[in-house]
């Protein structure tokens, strides 16, 4: 399980921040909510109305084609999904 984070401009996902995120999840929720990986992304894919595209990203990870998962013209930043497409392809090749 991975957690994708979009940081403020100029911020970097360093080891100290990763530890703070993990600790916050562990204490605020539970140990089972702590992700295996925490990855910084340029942008979280969202619809024009601001809803995060969590299910489409999950479907990409499962191997569904982009065209069947999301319509780019319904996205606030259509290019934001490109990183997730590449990540999903690389992830599936590792598995």
PDB file of N, CA and C in Angstrom:
ATOM      1  N   UNK A   1       0.848  -1.166   0.000  1.00  0.00           N
ATOM      2  CA  UNK A   1       0.000   0.000   0.000  1.00  0.00           C
ATOM      3  C   UNK A   1       0.897   1.234   0.000  1.00  0.00           C
ATOM      4  N   UNK A   2       0.590   2.167  -0.857  1.00  0.00           N
ATOM      5  CA  UNK A   2       1.363   3.401  -0.958  1.00  0.00           C
ATOM      6  C   UNK A   2       0.481   4.586  -0.595  1.00  0.00           C
ATOM      7  N   UNK A   3       1.109   5.601  -0.051  1.00  0.00           N
ATOM      8  CA  UNK A   3       0.442   6.863   0.225  1.00  0.00           C
ATOM      9  C   UNK A   3       1.094   7.894  -0.678  1.00  0.00           C
ATOM     10  N   UNK A   4       0.294   8.570  -1.480  1.00  0.00           N
ATOM     11  CA  UNK A   4       0.790   9.597  -2.382  1.00  0.00           C
ATOM     12  C   UNK A   4       0.521  10.954  -1.736  1.00  0.00           C
ATOM     13  N   UNK A   5       1.557  11.779  -1.633  1.00  0.00           N
ATOM     14  CA  UNK A   5       1.406  13.085  -0.999  1.00  0.00           C
ATOM     15  C   UNK A   5       1.833  14.186  -1.952  1.00  0.00           C
ATOM     16  N   UNK A   6       1.078  15.257  -1.931  1.00  0.00           N
ATOM     17  CA  UNK A   6       1.408  16.461  -2.685  1.00  0.00           C
ATOM     18  C   UNK A   6       1.796  17.506  -1.650  1.00  0.00           C
ATOM     19  N   UNK A   7       3.018  17.952  -1.720  1.00  0.00           N
ATOM     20  CA  UNK A   7       3.530  18.909  -0.741  1.00  0.00           C
ATOM     21  C   UNK A   7       3.443  20.335  -1.264  1.00  0.00           C
ATOM     22  N   UNK A   8       3.551  21.270  -0.333  1.00  0.00           N
ATOM     23  CA  UNK A   8       3.572  22.680  -0.724  1.00  0.00           C
ATOM     24  C   UNK A   8       4.770  22.946  -1.632  1.00  0.00           C
ATOM     25  N   UNK A   9       4.682  23.957  -2.481  1.00  0.00           N
ATOM     26  CA  UNK A   9       5.826  24.304  -3.329  1.00  0.00           C
ATOM     27  C   UNK A   9       7.077  24.550  -2.487  1.00  0.00           C
ATOM     28  N   UNK A  10       8.173  23.962  -2.913  1.00  0.00           N
ATOM     29  CA  UNK A  10       9.436  24.119  -2.222  1.00  0.00           C
ATOM     30  C   UNK A  10       9.693  23.091  -1.133  1.00  0.00           C
ATOM     31  N   UNK A  11       8.655  22.379  -0.694  1.00  0.00           N
ATOM     32  CA  UNK A  11       8.819  21.354   0.341  1.00  0.00           C
ATOM     33  C   UNK A  11       9.319  20.062  -0.290  1.00  0.00           C
ATOM     34  N   UNK A  12      10.031  19.272   0.502  1.00  0.00           N
ATOM     35  CA  UNK A  12      10.572  18.000   0.020  1.00  0.00           C
ATOM     36  C   UNK A  12      10.193  16.897   0.980  1.00  0.00           C
ATOM     37  N   UNK A  13       9.963  15.742   0.429  1.00  0.00           N
ATOM     38  CA  UNK A  13       9.642  14.572   1.246  1.00  0.00           C
ATOM     39  C   UNK A  13      10.958  13.947   1.701  1.00  0.00           C
ATOM     40  N   UNK A  14      11.435  14.377   2.858  1.00  0.00           N
ATOM     41  CA  UNK A  14      12.663  13.809   3.394  1.00  0.00           C
ATOM     42  C   UNK A  14      12.321  12.761   4.459  1.00  0.00           C
ATOM     43  N   UNK A  15      13.342  12.125   4.995  1.00  0.00           N
ATOM     44  CA  UNK A  15      13.130  11.041   5.962  1.00  0.00           C
ATOM     45  C   UNK A  15      12.421  11.528   7.223  1.00  0.00           C
ATOM     46  N   UNK A  16      12.717  12.745   7.656  1.00  0.00           N
ATOM     47  CA  UNK A  16      12.070  13.299   8.851  1.00  0.00           C
ATOM     48  C   UNK A  16      10.568  13.464   8.637  1.00  0.00           C
ATOM     49  N   UNK A  17      10.180  13.948   7.461  1.00  0.00           N
ATOM     50  CA  UNK A  17       8.756  14.119   7.164  1.00  0.00           C
ATOM     51  C   UNK A  17       8.066  12.767   7.029  1.00  0.00           C
ATOM     52  N   UNK A  18       8.720  11.808   6.410  1.00  0.00           N
ATOM     53  CA  UNK A  18       8.158  10.456   6.295  1.00  0.00           C
ATOM     54  C   UNK A  18       7.890   9.884   7.684  1.00  0.00           C
ATOM     55  N   UNK A  19       8.842  10.053   8.607  1.00  0.00           N
ATOM     56  CA  UNK A  19       8.664   9.561   9.975  1.00  0.00           C
ATOM     57  C   UNK A  19       7.497  10.258  10.664  1.00  0.00           C
ATOM     58  N   UNK A  20       7.370  11.577  10.461  1.00  0.00           N
ATOM     59  CA  UNK A  20       6.252  12.314  11.077  1.00  0.00           C
ATOM     60  C   UNK A  20       4.911  11.844  10.536  1.00  0.00           C
ATOM     61  N   UNK A  21       4.838  11.600   9.237  1.00  0.00           N
ATOM     62  CA  UNK A  21       3.587  11.116   8.634  1.00  0.00           C
ATOM     63  C   UNK A  21       3.242   9.741   9.186  1.00  0.00           C
ATOM     64  N   UNK A  22       4.221   8.843   9.215  1.00  0.00           N
ATOM     65  CA  UNK A  22       3.989   7.493   9.744  1.00  0.00           C
ATOM     66  C   UNK A  22       3.519   7.538  11.201  1.00  0.00           C
ATOM     67  N   UNK A  23       4.166   8.363  12.006  1.00  0.00           N
ATOM     68  CA  UNK A  23       3.805   8.464  13.418  1.00  0.00           C
ATOM     69  C   UNK A  23       2.404   9.040  13.584  1.00  0.00           C
ATOM     70  N   UNK A  24       2.070  10.052  12.788  1.00  0.00           N
ATOM     71  CA  UNK A  24       0.739  10.656  12.863  1.00  0.00           C
ATOM     72  C   UNK A  24      -0.345   9.638  12.507  1.00  0.00           C
ATOM     73  N   UNK A  25      -0.101   8.836  11.487  1.00  0.00           N
ATOM     74  CA  UNK A  25      -1.072   7.810  11.101  1.00  0.00           C
ATOM     75  C   UNK A  25      -1.184   6.734  12.174  1.00  0.00           C
ATOM     76  N   UNK A  26      -0.062   6.336  12.728  1.00  0.00           N
ATOM     77  CA  UNK A  26      -0.043   5.289  13.754  1.00  0.00           C
ATOM     78  C   UNK A  26      -0.794   5.740  15.006  1.00  0.00           C
ATOM     79  N   UNK A  27      -0.559   6.969  15.453  1.00  0.00           N
ATOM     80  CA  UNK A  27      -1.202   7.434  16.683  1.00  0.00           C
ATOM     81  C   UNK A  27      -2.627   7.920  16.443  1.00  0.00           C
ATOM     82  N   UNK A  28      -2.857   8.559  15.311  1.00  0.00           N
ATOM     83  CA  UNK A  28      -4.182   9.097  15.019  1.00  0.00           C
ATOM     84  C   UNK A  28      -5.180   8.056  14.559  1.00  0.00           C
ATOM     85  N   UNK A  29      -4.685   7.011  13.927  1.00  0.00           N
ATOM     86  CA  UNK A  29      -5.568   5.956  13.419  1.00  0.00           C
ATOM     87  C   UNK A  29      -5.152   4.632  14.055  1.00  0.00           C
ATOM     88  N   UNK A  30      -4.307   3.883  13.365  1.00  0.00           N
ATOM     89  CA  UNK A  30      -3.766   2.639  13.926  1.00  0.00           C
ATOM     90  C   UNK A  30      -2.568   2.213  13.086  1.00  0.00           C
ATOM     91  N   UNK A  31      -1.842   1.238  13.591  1.00  0.00           N
ATOM     92  CA  UNK A  31      -0.648   0.758  12.887  1.00  0.00           C
ATOM     93  C   UNK A  31      -0.996   0.183  11.520  1.00  0.00           C
ATOM     94  N   UNK A  32      -2.178  -0.366  11.371  1.00  0.00           N
ATOM     95  CA  UNK A  32      -2.537  -0.952  10.070  1.00  0.00           C
ATOM     96  C   UNK A  32      -2.802   0.105   9.000  1.00  0.00           C
ATOM     97  N   UNK A  33      -2.917   1.375   9.389  1.00  0.00           N
ATOM     98  CA  UNK A  33      -3.113   2.455   8.429  1.00  0.00           C
ATOM     99  C   UNK A  33      -1.791   3.033   7.921  1.00  0.00           C
ATOM    100  N   UNK A  34      -0.684   2.586   8.478  1.00  0.00           N
ATOM    101  CA  UNK A  34       0.623   3.087   8.058  1.00  0.00           C
ATOM    102  C   UNK A  34       0.993   2.440   6.724  1.00  0.00           C
ATOM    103  N   UNK A  35       1.238   3.248   5.691  1.00  0.00           N
ATOM    104  CA  UNK A  35       1.527   2.693   4.364  1.00  0.00           C
ATOM    105  C   UNK A  35       2.926   2.088   4.282  1.00  0.00           C
ATOM    106  N   UNK A  36       3.099   1.194   3.307  1.00  0.00           N
ATOM    107  CA  UNK A  36       4.412   0.609   3.045  1.00  0.00           C
ATOM    108  C   UNK A  36       5.357   1.650   2.452  1.00  0.00           C
ATOM    109  N   UNK A  37       4.799   2.493   1.590  1.00  0.00           N
ATOM    110  CA  UNK A  37       5.591   3.521   0.909  1.00  0.00           C
ATOM    111  C   UNK A  37       4.869   4.856   1.012  1.00  0.00           C
ATOM    112  N   UNK A  38       5.633   5.926   1.095  1.00  0.00           N
ATOM    113  CA  UNK A  38       5.081   7.276   1.005  1.00  0.00           C
ATOM    114  C   UNK A  38       5.821   7.949  -0.137  1.00  0.00           C
ATOM    115  N   UNK A  39       5.076   8.346  -1.152  1.00  0.00           N
ATOM    116  CA  UNK A  39       5.675   8.882  -2.377  1.00  0.00           C
ATOM    117  C   UNK A  39       5.175  10.299  -2.647  1.00  0.00           C
ATOM    118  N   UNK A  40       6.097  11.179  -2.976  1.00  0.00           N
ATOM    119  CA  UNK A  40       5.736  12.544  -3.327  1.00  0.00           C
ATOM    120  C   UNK A  40       5.345  12.613  -4.791  1.00  0.00           C
ATOM    121  N   UNK A  41       4.224  13.271  -5.069  1.00  0.00           N
ATOM    122  CA  UNK A  41       3.772  13.474  -6.449  1.00  0.00           C
ATOM    123  C   UNK A  41       3.600  14.975  -6.697  1.00  0.00           C
ATOM    124  N   UNK A  42       3.685  15.358  -7.939  1.00  0.00           N
ATOM    125  CA  UNK A  42       3.537  16.769  -8.288  1.00  0.00           C
ATOM    126  C   UNK A  42       2.105  17.250  -8.048  1.00  0.00           C
ATOM    127  N   UNK A  43       1.124  16.381  -8.346  1.00  0.00           N
ATOM    128  CA  UNK A  43      -0.276  16.759  -8.183  1.00  0.00           C
ATOM    129  C   UNK A  43      -1.118  15.501  -7.972  1.00  0.00           C
ATOM    130  N   UNK A  44      -2.114  15.627  -7.126  1.00  0.00           N
ATOM    131  CA  UNK A  44      -3.083  14.556  -6.917  1.00  0.00           C
ATOM    132  C   UNK A  44      -4.175  14.753  -7.968  1.00  0.00           C
ATOM    133  N   UNK A  45      -4.499  13.722  -8.759  1.00  0.00           N
ATOM    134  CA  UNK A  45      -5.541  13.872  -9.776  1.00  0.00           C
ATOM    135  C   UNK A  45      -6.906  14.160  -9.140  1.00  0.00           C
ATOM    136  N   UNK A  46      -7.563  15.191  -9.656  1.00  0.00           N
ATOM    137  CA  UNK A  46      -8.877  15.581  -9.146  1.00  0.00           C
ATOM    138  C   UNK A  46      -9.801  15.917 -10.306  1.00  0.00           C
ATOM    139  N   UNK A  47     -11.090  15.824 -10.032  1.00  0.00           N
ATOM    140  CA  UNK A  47     -12.075  16.234 -11.024  1.00  0.00           C
ATOM    141  C   UNK A  47     -12.141  17.763 -11.048  1.00  0.00           C
ATOM    142  N   UNK A  48     -12.875  18.281 -11.974  1.00  0.00           N
ATOM    143  CA  UNK A  48     -13.056  19.732 -12.072  1.00  0.00           C
ATOM    144  C   UNK A  48     -13.686  20.278 -10.799  1.00  0.00           C
ATOM    145  N   UNK A  49     -14.526  19.483 -10.137  1.00  0.00           N
ATOM    146  CA  UNK A  49     -15.179  19.922  -8.904  1.00  0.00           C
ATOM    147  C   UNK A  49     -14.319  19.692  -7.660  1.00  0.00           C
ATOM    148  N   UNK A  50     -13.122  19.120  -7.828  1.00  0.00           N
ATOM    149  CA  UNK A  50     -12.209  18.964  -6.710  1.00  0.00           C
ATOM    150  C   UNK A  50     -12.194  17.608  -6.033  1.00  0.00           C
ATOM    151  N   UNK A  51     -12.950  16.654  -6.536  1.00  0.00           N
ATOM    152  CA  UNK A  51     -12.972  15.322  -5.934  1.00  0.00           C
ATOM    153  C   UNK A  51     -11.717  14.547  -6.354  1.00  0.00           C
ATOM    154  N   UNK A  52     -11.049  13.927  -5.368  1.00  0.00           N
ATOM    155  CA  UNK A  52      -9.851  13.136  -5.660  1.00  0.00           C
ATOM    156  C   UNK A  52     -10.238  11.873  -6.423  1.00  0.00           C
ATOM    157  N   UNK A  53      -9.412  11.506  -7.387  1.00  0.00           N
ATOM    158  CA  UNK A  53      -9.674  10.345  -8.231  1.00  0.00           C
ATOM    159  C   UNK A  53      -9.022   9.091  -7.642  1.00  0.00           C
ATOM    160  N   UNK A  54      -9.449   8.717  -6.446  1.00  0.00           N
ATOM    161  CA  UNK A  54      -8.861   7.570  -5.758  1.00  0.00           C
ATOM    162  C   UNK A  54      -9.191   6.254  -6.456  1.00  0.00           C
ATOM    163  N   UNK A  55     -10.444   6.043  -6.795  1.00  0.00           N
ATOM    164  CA  UNK A  55     -10.845   4.789  -7.444  1.00  0.00           C
ATOM    165  C   UNK A  55     -10.199   4.626  -8.823  1.00  0.00           C
ATOM    166  N   UNK A  56     -10.163   5.663  -9.667  1.00  0.00           N
ATOM    167  CA  UNK A  56      -9.459   5.505 -10.937  1.00  0.00           C
ATOM    168  C   UNK A  56      -7.982   5.159 -10.766  1.00  0.00           C
ATOM    169  N   UNK A  57      -7.309   5.750  -9.777  1.00  0.00           N
ATOM    170  CA  UNK A  57      -5.899   5.417  -9.535  1.00  0.00           C
ATOM    171  C   UNK A  57      -5.784   3.953  -9.113  1.00  0.00           C
ATOM    172  N   UNK A  58      -6.688   3.502  -8.271  1.00  0.00           N
ATOM    173  CA  UNK A  58      -6.686   2.097  -7.844  1.00  0.00           C
ATOM    174  C   UNK A  58      -6.876   1.171  -9.055  1.00  0.00           C
ATOM    175  N   UNK A  59      -7.789   1.535  -9.932  1.00  0.00           N
ATOM    176  CA  UNK A  59      -8.029   0.717 -11.121  1.00  0.00           C
ATOM    177  C   UNK A  59      -6.811   0.698 -12.042  1.00  0.00           C
ATOM    178  N   UNK A  60      -6.115   1.832 -12.152  1.00  0.00           N
ATOM    179  CA  UNK A  60      -4.879   1.854 -12.942  1.00  0.00           C
ATOM    180  C   UNK A  60      -3.868   0.876 -12.351  1.00  0.00           C
ATOM    181  N   UNK A  61      -3.759   0.861 -11.031  1.00  0.00           N
ATOM    182  CA  UNK A  61      -2.829  -0.047 -10.360  1.00  0.00           C
ATOM    183  C   UNK A  61      -3.187  -1.508 -10.624  1.00  0.00           C
ATOM    184  N   UNK A  62      -4.468  -1.769 -10.816  1.00  0.00           N
ATOM    185  CA  UNK A  62      -4.930  -3.136 -11.079  1.00  0.00           C
ATOM    186  C   UNK A  62      -4.806  -3.522 -12.551  1.00  0.00           C
ATOM    187  N   UNK A  63      -4.395  -2.564 -13.402  1.00  0.00           N
ATOM    188  CA  UNK A  63      -4.156  -2.888 -14.801  1.00  0.00           C
ATOM    189  C   UNK A  63      -5.223  -2.446 -15.775  1.00  0.00           C
ATOM    190  N   UNK A  64      -6.214  -1.712 -15.319  1.00  0.00           N
ATOM    191  CA  UNK A  64      -7.241  -1.216 -16.235  1.00  0.00           C
ATOM    192  C   UNK A  64      -6.651  -0.118 -17.126  1.00  0.00           C
ATOM    193  N   UNK A  65      -7.066  -0.059 -18.387  1.00  0.00           N
ATOM    194  CA  UNK A  65      -6.540   0.983 -19.281  1.00  0.00           C
ATOM    195  C   UNK A  65      -7.071   2.364 -18.897  1.00  0.00           C
ATOM    196  N   UNK A  66      -6.256   3.368 -19.084  1.00  0.00           N
ATOM    197  CA  UNK A  66      -6.601   4.746 -18.716  1.00  0.00           C
ATOM    198  C   UNK A  66      -7.919   5.188 -19.342  1.00  0.00           C
ATOM    199  N   UNK A  67      -8.125   4.839 -20.601  1.00  0.00           N
ATOM    200  CA  UNK A  67      -9.330   5.273 -21.318  1.00  0.00           C
ATOM    201  C   UNK A  67     -10.612   4.761 -20.663  1.00  0.00           C
ATOM    202  N   UNK A  68     -10.528   3.613 -19.997  1.00  0.00           N
ATOM    203  CA  UNK A  68     -11.701   3.027 -19.345  1.00  0.00           C
ATOM    204  C   UNK A  68     -11.864   3.545 -17.910  1.00  0.00           C
ATOM    205  N   UNK A  69     -10.822   4.161 -17.386  1.00  0.00           N
ATOM    206  CA  UNK A  69     -10.803   4.541 -15.977  1.00  0.00           C
ATOM    207  C   UNK A  69     -11.235   5.986 -15.741  1.00  0.00           C
ATOM    208  N   UNK A  70     -10.782   6.896 -16.598  1.00  0.00           N
ATOM    209  CA  UNK A  70     -11.064   8.315 -16.367  1.00  0.00           C
ATOM    210  C   UNK A  70     -11.132   9.061 -17.693  1.00  0.00           C
ATOM    211  N   UNK A  71     -11.933  10.098 -17.698  1.00  0.00           N
ATOM    212  CA  UNK A  71     -12.009  10.978 -18.865  1.00  0.00           C
ATOM    213  C   UNK A  71     -11.207  12.237 -18.535  1.00  0.00           C
ATOM    214  N   UNK A  72     -10.171  12.475 -19.333  1.00  0.00           N
ATOM    215  CA  UNK A  72      -9.283  13.606 -19.074  1.00  0.00           C
ATOM    216  C   UNK A  72     -10.013  14.942 -19.062  1.00  0.00           C
ATOM    217  N   UNK A  73     -11.040  15.098 -19.897  1.00  0.00           N
ATOM    218  CA  UNK A  73     -11.738  16.385 -19.956  1.00  0.00           C
ATOM    219  C   UNK A  73     -12.585  16.650 -18.711  1.00  0.00           C
ATOM    220  N   UNK A  74     -12.723  15.657 -17.819  1.00  0.00           N
ATOM    221  CA  UNK A  74     -13.431  15.848 -16.562  1.00  0.00           C
ATOM    222  C   UNK A  74     -12.472  16.148 -15.410  1.00  0.00           C
ATOM    223  N   UNK A  75     -11.186  16.275 -15.742  1.00  0.00           N
ATOM    224  CA  UNK A  75     -10.168  16.495 -14.721  1.00  0.00           C
ATOM    225  C   UNK A  75      -9.748  17.959 -14.649  1.00  0.00           C
ATOM    226  N   UNK A  76      -9.417  18.396 -13.434  1.00  0.00           N
ATOM    227  CA  UNK A  76      -8.938  19.766 -13.238  1.00  0.00           C
ATOM    228  C   UNK A  76      -7.567  19.949 -13.885  1.00  0.00           C
ATOM    229  N   UNK A  77      -6.672  18.969 -13.707  1.00  0.00           N
ATOM    230  CA  UNK A  77      -5.337  18.990 -14.314  1.00  0.00           C
ATOM    231  C   UNK A  77      -5.118  17.636 -14.990  1.00  0.00           C
ATOM    232  N   UNK A  78      -5.519  17.492 -16.239  1.00  0.00           N
ATOM    233  CA  UNK A  78      -5.422  16.194 -16.906  1.00  0.00           C
ATOM    234  C   UNK A  78      -4.019  15.587 -16.892  1.00  0.00           C
ATOM    235  N   UNK A  79      -2.985  16.409 -16.914  1.00  0.00           N
ATOM    236  CA  UNK A  79      -1.621  15.884 -16.915  1.00  0.00           C
ATOM    237  C   UNK A  79      -1.241  15.241 -15.587  1.00  0.00           C
ATOM    238  N   UNK A  80      -1.994  15.487 -14.528  1.00  0.00           N
ATOM    239  CA  UNK A  80      -1.664  14.926 -13.219  1.00  0.00           C
ATOM    240  C   UNK A  80      -1.814  13.406 -13.177  1.00  0.00           C
ATOM    241  N   UNK A  81      -2.581  12.834 -14.072  1.00  0.00           N
ATOM    242  CA  UNK A  81      -2.785  11.378 -14.081  1.00  0.00           C
ATOM    243  C   UNK A  81      -1.611  10.656 -14.747  1.00  0.00           C
ATOM    244  N   UNK A  82      -0.833  11.357 -15.552  1.00  0.00           N
ATOM    245  CA  UNK A  82       0.257  10.728 -16.307  1.00  0.00           C
ATOM    246  C   UNK A  82       1.281  10.042 -15.399  1.00  0.00           C
ATOM    247  N   UNK A  83       1.661  10.691 -14.303  1.00  0.00           N
ATOM    248  CA  UNK A  83       2.615  10.081 -13.369  1.00  0.00           C
ATOM    249  C   UNK A  83       2.067   8.773 -12.826  1.00  0.00           C
ATOM    250  N   UNK A  84       0.772   8.727 -12.516  1.00  0.00           N
ATOM    251  CA  UNK A  84       0.153   7.535 -11.956  1.00  0.00           C
ATOM    252  C   UNK A  84       0.074   6.412 -12.991  1.00  0.00           C
ATOM    253  N   UNK A  85      -0.123   6.759 -14.248  1.00  0.00           N
ATOM    254  CA  UNK A  85      -0.121   5.758 -15.318  1.00  0.00           C
ATOM    255  C   UNK A  85       1.256   5.107 -15.405  1.00  0.00           C
ATOM    256  N   UNK A  86       2.316   5.930 -15.415  1.00  0.00           N
ATOM    257  CA  UNK A  86       3.683   5.387 -15.467  1.00  0.00           C
ATOM    258  C   UNK A  86       4.005   4.572 -14.218  1.00  0.00           C
ATOM    259  N   UNK A  87       3.601   5.054 -13.061  1.00  0.00           N
ATOM    260  CA  UNK A  87       3.849   4.340 -11.814  1.00  0.00           C
ATOM    261  C   UNK A  87       3.149   2.980 -11.816  1.00  0.00           C
ATOM    262  N   UNK A  88       1.900   2.947 -12.261  1.00  0.00           N
ATOM    263  CA  UNK A  88       1.139   1.694 -12.298  1.00  0.00           C
ATOM    264  C   UNK A  88       1.787   0.685 -13.240  1.00  0.00           C
ATOM    265  N   UNK A  89       2.263   1.148 -14.384  1.00  0.00           N
ATOM    266  CA  UNK A  89       2.938   0.244 -15.335  1.00  0.00           C
ATOM    267  C   UNK A  89       4.207  -0.340 -14.711  1.00  0.00           C
ATOM    268  N   UNK A  90       5.004   0.511 -14.079  1.00  0.00           N
ATOM    269  CA  UNK A  90       6.239   0.042 -13.439  1.00  0.00           C
ATOM    270  C   UNK A  90       5.921  -0.901 -12.277  1.00  0.00           C
ATOM    271  N   UNK A  91       4.888  -0.589 -11.527  1.00  0.00           N
ATOM    272  CA  UNK A  91       4.491  -1.426 -10.397  1.00  0.00           C
ATOM    273  C   UNK A  91       4.073  -2.827 -10.855  1.00  0.00           C
ATOM    274  N   UNK A  92       3.296  -2.873 -11.922  1.00  0.00           N
ATOM    275  CA  UNK A  92       2.831  -4.167 -12.441  1.00  0.00           C
ATOM    276  C   UNK A  92       3.994  -4.972 -13.005  1.00  0.00           C
ATOM    277  N   UNK A  93       4.987  -4.323 -13.587  1.00  0.00           N
ATOM    278  CA  UNK A  93       6.155  -5.022 -14.117  1.00  0.00           C
ATOM    279  C   UNK A  93       7.009  -5.608 -12.992  1.00  0.00           C
ATOM    280  N   UNK A  94       7.040  -4.936 -11.833  1.00  0.00           N
ATOM    281  CA  UNK A  94       7.797  -5.450 -10.670  1.00  0.00           C
ATOM    282  C   UNK A  94       7.131  -6.678 -10.068  1.00  0.00           C
ATOM    283  N   UNK A  95       5.816  -6.702 -10.141  1.00  0.00           N
ATOM    284  CA  UNK A  95       5.073  -7.794  -9.468  1.00  0.00           C
ATOM    285  C   UNK A  95       5.098  -9.094 -10.232  1.00  0.00           C
TER     286      UNK A  95
END
